[in-house]
Amino acid sequence: MKASIGLLFGIAGSLMAAGCQTPQKASGARPTVEVSADETPEWQGVANEQDAERIASLDAAWREALAAAGKQAAGEGELLDPKAALARPAPSPGSYMCRLIRFGSAKPREPEYQAFKPFFCHVGVNGDQLSITKQTGTERPAGYLWDDVNKRRMIFLGSLALGNEDAPLSYGEDPARDMAGIFERIGPLRYRLVVPRPRGTAKLDVIELVPAPVQSE
């Protein structure tokens, strides 16, 4: 009996001693959690304030344009659907047939909705960046495509060549010529470049791009 009591006191003493001990710090480096900040897309450091605001106002520009056009815009399907953008917007380099639809008049006495005849444009590569150039006409936009946080679109920043000029000015060289817009894929091998509130009083320019037919020799 004494042995049993002594054993109980011994166990209790061991437990009390263990409870009074100061916890030891774990050896080794303490684990840390790394939190990466969202990267600012490169195009935001290139675009001027006015063009950044135009891009930000795209949704409102779509609403105004479609409301003004009414039934005239019917029948274009995904081309004039603001929510038609698909994943993987980057186009393949090459020659394209392009078509411009303009909402709102850019000049006095122009109609509120215009669908122009197709023209040739070209998607090129400069280093690791894609470019778009309209090859014919008196007004020839040209510029580069930039990646965006929204992976369903790319940002277009460019300039406008006029008349017999050999090449457009670089973006930012003449703010009156600068252009900014959104490039999206809207179907298999079908793309669009949307320019909100372009120069003048137009509300929206939409340029459709589809690969040009291969001409046999």
Protein backbone atom coordinates (compact mmCIF):
# COMPACT_ATOMS: atom_id res chain seq x y z
CA MET A 1 0.00 0.00 0.00
CA LYS A 2 2.83 2.40 0.89
CA ALA A 3 4.53 1.47 -2.34
CA SER A 4 1.35 2.27 -4.27
CA ILE A 5 0.96 5.64 -2.56
CA GLY A 6 4.60 6.46 -3.16
CA LEU A 7 4.20 5.56 -6.85
CA LEU A 8 1.17 7.87 -7.19
CA PHE A 9 3.02 10.77 -5.58
CA GLY A 10 5.96 10.14 -7.85
CA ILE A 11 3.78 10.28 -10.99
CA ALA A 12 1.99 13.42 -9.75
CA GLY A 13 5.30 15.11 -9.02
CA SER A 14 6.57 14.30 -12.48
CA LEU A 15 3.43 15.76 -14.09
CA MET A 16 3.66 18.95 -11.98
CA ALA A 17 7.30 19.39 -12.83
CA ALA A 18 6.55 18.95 -16.50
CA GLY A 19 3.73 21.50 -16.29
CA CYS A 20 6.03 24.08 -14.70
CA GLN A 21 8.70 23.81 -17.36
CA THR A 22 9.09 26.71 -19.79
CA PRO A 23 8.24 25.59 -23.37
CA GLN A 24 11.31 25.39 -25.56
CA LYS A 25 11.41 27.20 -28.93
CA ALA A 26 11.46 24.96 -31.95
CA SER A 27 14.86 24.77 -33.59
CA GLY A 28 15.39 25.98 -37.15
CA ALA A 29 14.08 28.95 -39.13
CA ARG A 30 10.53 30.05 -38.58
CA PRO A 31 8.34 29.42 -41.67
CA THR A 32 7.08 32.51 -43.48
CA VAL A 33 4.21 33.03 -45.90
CA GLU A 34 5.06 35.05 -49.01
CA VAL A 35 2.31 37.19 -50.51
CA SER A 36 2.95 38.49 -54.01
CA ALA A 37 1.35 41.77 -55.03
CA ASP A 38 -0.64 41.97 -58.24
CA GLU A 39 1.54 43.07 -61.10
CA THR A 40 0.55 46.26 -62.88
CA PRO A 41 0.19 45.56 -66.62
CA GLU A 42 2.93 47.17 -68.67
CA TRP A 43 0.54 49.04 -70.93
CA GLN A 44 -0.58 51.25 -68.05
CA GLY A 45 2.89 52.72 -67.94
CA VAL A 46 2.70 53.51 -71.66
CA ALA A 47 -0.85 54.82 -72.17
CA ASN A 48 -1.53 58.48 -71.53
CA GLU A 49 -4.22 59.50 -69.05
CA GLN A 50 -6.85 60.23 -71.69
CA ASP A 51 -6.46 56.86 -73.40
CA ALA A 52 -6.46 55.00 -70.09
CA GLU A 53 -9.79 56.71 -69.33
CA ARG A 54 -11.17 55.70 -72.75
CA ILE A 55 -10.31 52.07 -72.07
CA ALA A 56 -11.90 52.29 -68.63
CA SER A 57 -15.09 53.71 -70.19
CA LEU A 58 -15.51 50.84 -72.66
CA ASP A 59 -18.71 49.43 -71.11
CA ALA A 60 -20.43 52.82 -71.20
CA ALA A 61 -19.27 53.39 -74.79
CA TRP A 62 -20.78 50.05 -75.84
CA ARG A 63 -24.12 50.92 -74.24
CA GLU A 64 -24.29 54.34 -75.88
CA ALA A 65 -23.27 53.00 -79.28
CA LEU A 66 -25.78 50.14 -79.38
CA ALA A 67 -28.59 52.32 -78.07
CA ALA A 68 -27.94 54.92 -80.77
CA ALA A 69 -27.67 52.35 -83.58
CA GLY A 70 -30.85 50.47 -82.69
CA LYS A 71 -31.90 47.90 -85.29
CA GLN A 72 -29.12 48.92 -87.67
CA ALA A 73 -26.67 46.85 -85.61
CA ALA A 74 -28.78 43.69 -85.82
CA GLY A 75 -27.40 40.71 -87.68
CA GLU A 76 -23.72 41.13 -86.74
CA GLY A 77 -23.84 38.47 -84.02
CA GLU A 78 -20.78 38.16 -81.77
CA LEU A 79 -19.04 41.06 -83.50
CA LEU A 80 -21.28 43.57 -81.72
CA ASP A 81 -21.89 41.58 -78.54
CA PRO A 82 -19.97 43.32 -75.72
CA LYS A 83 -19.68 40.01 -73.81
CA ALA A 84 -18.47 37.85 -76.71
CA ALA A 85 -14.77 37.80 -75.76
CA LEU A 86 -13.14 34.35 -75.57
CA ALA A 87 -9.95 33.08 -73.99
CA ARG A 88 -6.60 33.28 -75.83
CA PRO A 89 -7.06 36.61 -77.62
CA ALA A 90 -3.60 36.79 -79.25
CA PRO A 91 -3.90 36.50 -83.07
CA SER A 92 -1.56 34.56 -85.33
CA PRO A 93 0.76 36.75 -87.42
CA GLY A 94 -0.25 37.16 -91.02
CA SER A 95 -2.56 38.95 -93.42
CA TYR A 96 -6.18 39.68 -92.46
CA MET A 97 -9.32 41.02 -94.06
CA CYS A 98 -10.65 43.78 -91.83
CA ARG A 99 -13.96 45.61 -91.70
CA LEU A 100 -14.84 48.75 -89.78
CA ILE A 101 -18.17 49.49 -88.14
CA ARG A 102 -18.47 52.98 -86.68
CA PHE A 103 -21.07 54.12 -84.16
CA GLY A 104 -21.65 57.84 -84.01
CA SER A 105 -20.46 60.41 -86.51
CA ALA A 106 -16.77 61.29 -86.58
CA LYS A 107 -17.42 64.26 -88.89
CA PRO A 108 -20.36 66.65 -89.45
CA ARG A 109 -23.29 65.25 -91.44
CA GLU A 110 -22.09 61.63 -91.17
CA PRO A 111 -24.67 58.97 -90.24
CA GLU A 112 -24.78 57.52 -86.74
CA TYR A 113 -24.04 53.99 -87.98
CA GLN A 114 -21.63 53.12 -90.79
CA ALA A 115 -20.35 49.76 -92.05
CA PHE A 116 -17.36 50.23 -94.32
CA LYS A 117 -16.01 47.99 -97.08
CA PRO A 118 -13.35 45.41 -96.13
CA PHE A 119 -9.68 46.31 -96.29
CA PHE A 120 -6.37 44.55 -95.74
CA CYS A 121 -4.51 44.70 -92.45
CA HIS A 122 -1.51 42.83 -91.14
CA VAL A 123 -0.57 41.30 -87.80
CA GLY A 124 3.20 41.34 -87.35
CA VAL A 125 5.74 40.43 -84.68
CA ASN A 126 8.38 42.76 -83.28
CA GLY A 127 10.48 40.83 -80.77
CA ASP A 128 7.88 39.18 -78.54
CA GLN A 129 5.18 41.78 -79.18
CA LEU A 130 2.38 41.67 -81.74
CA SER A 131 1.50 44.64 -83.94
CA ILE A 132 -1.51 45.54 -86.12
CA THR A 133 -1.31 47.72 -89.23
CA LYS A 134 -4.08 48.80 -91.60
CA GLN A 135 -2.47 48.63 -95.04
CA THR A 136 -4.82 50.64 -97.25
CA GLY A 137 -6.98 53.75 -97.08
CA THR A 138 -6.50 57.41 -96.21
CA GLU A 139 -6.59 56.68 -92.45
CA ARG A 140 -4.36 53.77 -91.42
CA PRO A 141 -4.17 52.83 -87.73
CA ALA A 142 -1.07 50.97 -86.58
CA GLY A 143 0.11 49.96 -83.13
CA TYR A 144 1.08 47.25 -80.68
CA LEU A 145 -0.87 44.76 -78.58
CA TRP A 146 -0.15 44.54 -74.84
CA ASP A 147 -1.07 41.83 -72.33
CA ASP A 148 -3.64 42.79 -69.72
CA VAL A 149 -4.74 41.52 -66.30
CA ASN A 150 -7.98 40.47 -68.02
CA LYS A 151 -6.76 37.42 -69.95
CA ARG A 152 -9.69 37.59 -72.39
CA ARG A 153 -8.39 40.77 -73.97
CA MET A 154 -5.28 42.61 -75.07
CA ILE A 155 -4.74 46.37 -75.11
CA PHE A 156 -4.08 48.20 -78.37
CA LEU A 157 -2.01 51.39 -78.29
CA GLY A 158 -1.18 52.97 -81.62
CA SER A 159 -1.28 55.96 -83.90
CA LEU A 160 -2.84 57.03 -87.18
CA ALA A 161 -1.10 57.46 -90.54
CA LEU A 162 -2.83 59.88 -92.90
CA GLY A 163 -2.82 60.38 -96.66
CA ASN A 164 0.46 59.50 -98.36
CA GLU A 165 2.52 59.16 -95.18
CA ASP A 166 4.84 56.17 -95.33
CA ALA A 167 4.36 55.20 -91.70
CA PRO A 168 2.38 56.31 -88.65
CA LEU A 169 3.96 58.22 -85.81
CA SER A 170 4.92 56.32 -82.69
CA TYR A 171 2.31 56.25 -79.94
CA GLY A 172 2.67 59.36 -77.79
CA GLU A 173 4.48 61.37 -80.45
CA ASP A 174 1.33 63.30 -81.40
CA PRO A 175 -1.57 62.96 -78.93
CA ALA A 176 -4.01 64.05 -81.65
CA ARG A 177 -3.12 60.89 -83.60
CA ASP A 178 -2.99 58.45 -80.66
CA MET A 179 -5.40 55.51 -80.54
CA ALA A 180 -6.30 53.09 -77.74
CA GLY A 181 -8.60 50.09 -77.71
CA ILE A 182 -9.35 46.51 -76.73
CA PHE A 183 -8.42 43.48 -78.86
CA GLU A 184 -10.49 40.30 -78.37
CA ARG A 185 -11.10 36.91 -79.95
CA ILE A 186 -14.80 36.33 -80.65
CA GLY A 187 -14.71 33.01 -82.53
CA PRO A 188 -12.44 30.53 -84.30
CA LEU A 189 -9.98 32.73 -86.24
CA ARG A 190 -12.24 35.74 -85.73
CA TYR A 191 -11.13 38.83 -83.81
CA ARG A 192 -12.18 42.39 -83.16
CA LEU A 193 -10.47 45.63 -82.24
CA VAL A 194 -12.77 47.94 -80.27
CA VAL A 195 -11.80 51.61 -79.96
CA PRO A 196 -13.98 53.48 -77.46
CA ARG A 197 -14.62 57.17 -78.03
CA PRO A 198 -12.19 57.68 -80.91
CA ARG A 199 -11.16 61.14 -82.02
CA GLY A 200 -14.07 63.26 -83.22
CA THR A 201 -17.60 62.65 -81.99
CA ALA A 202 -17.85 58.93 -82.79
CA LYS A 203 -18.90 56.74 -79.88
CA LEU A 204 -17.20 53.48 -80.85
CA ASP A 205 -15.17 51.91 -83.66
CA VAL A 206 -15.30 48.12 -84.08
CA ILE A 207 -12.88 46.50 -86.53
CA GLU A 208 -13.44 42.86 -87.42
CA LEU A 209 -10.39 40.76 -88.37
CA VAL A 210 -10.49 37.39 -90.15
CA PRO A 211 -7.58 35.69 -91.94
CA ALA A 212 -7.22 36.74 -95.57
CA PRO A 213 -7.73 33.97 -98.14
CA VAL A 214 -4.50 32.38 -99.33
CA GLN A 215 -3.91 33.35 -102.93
CA SER A 216 -2.55 30.69 -105.23
CA GLU A 217 0.46 31.57 -107.37
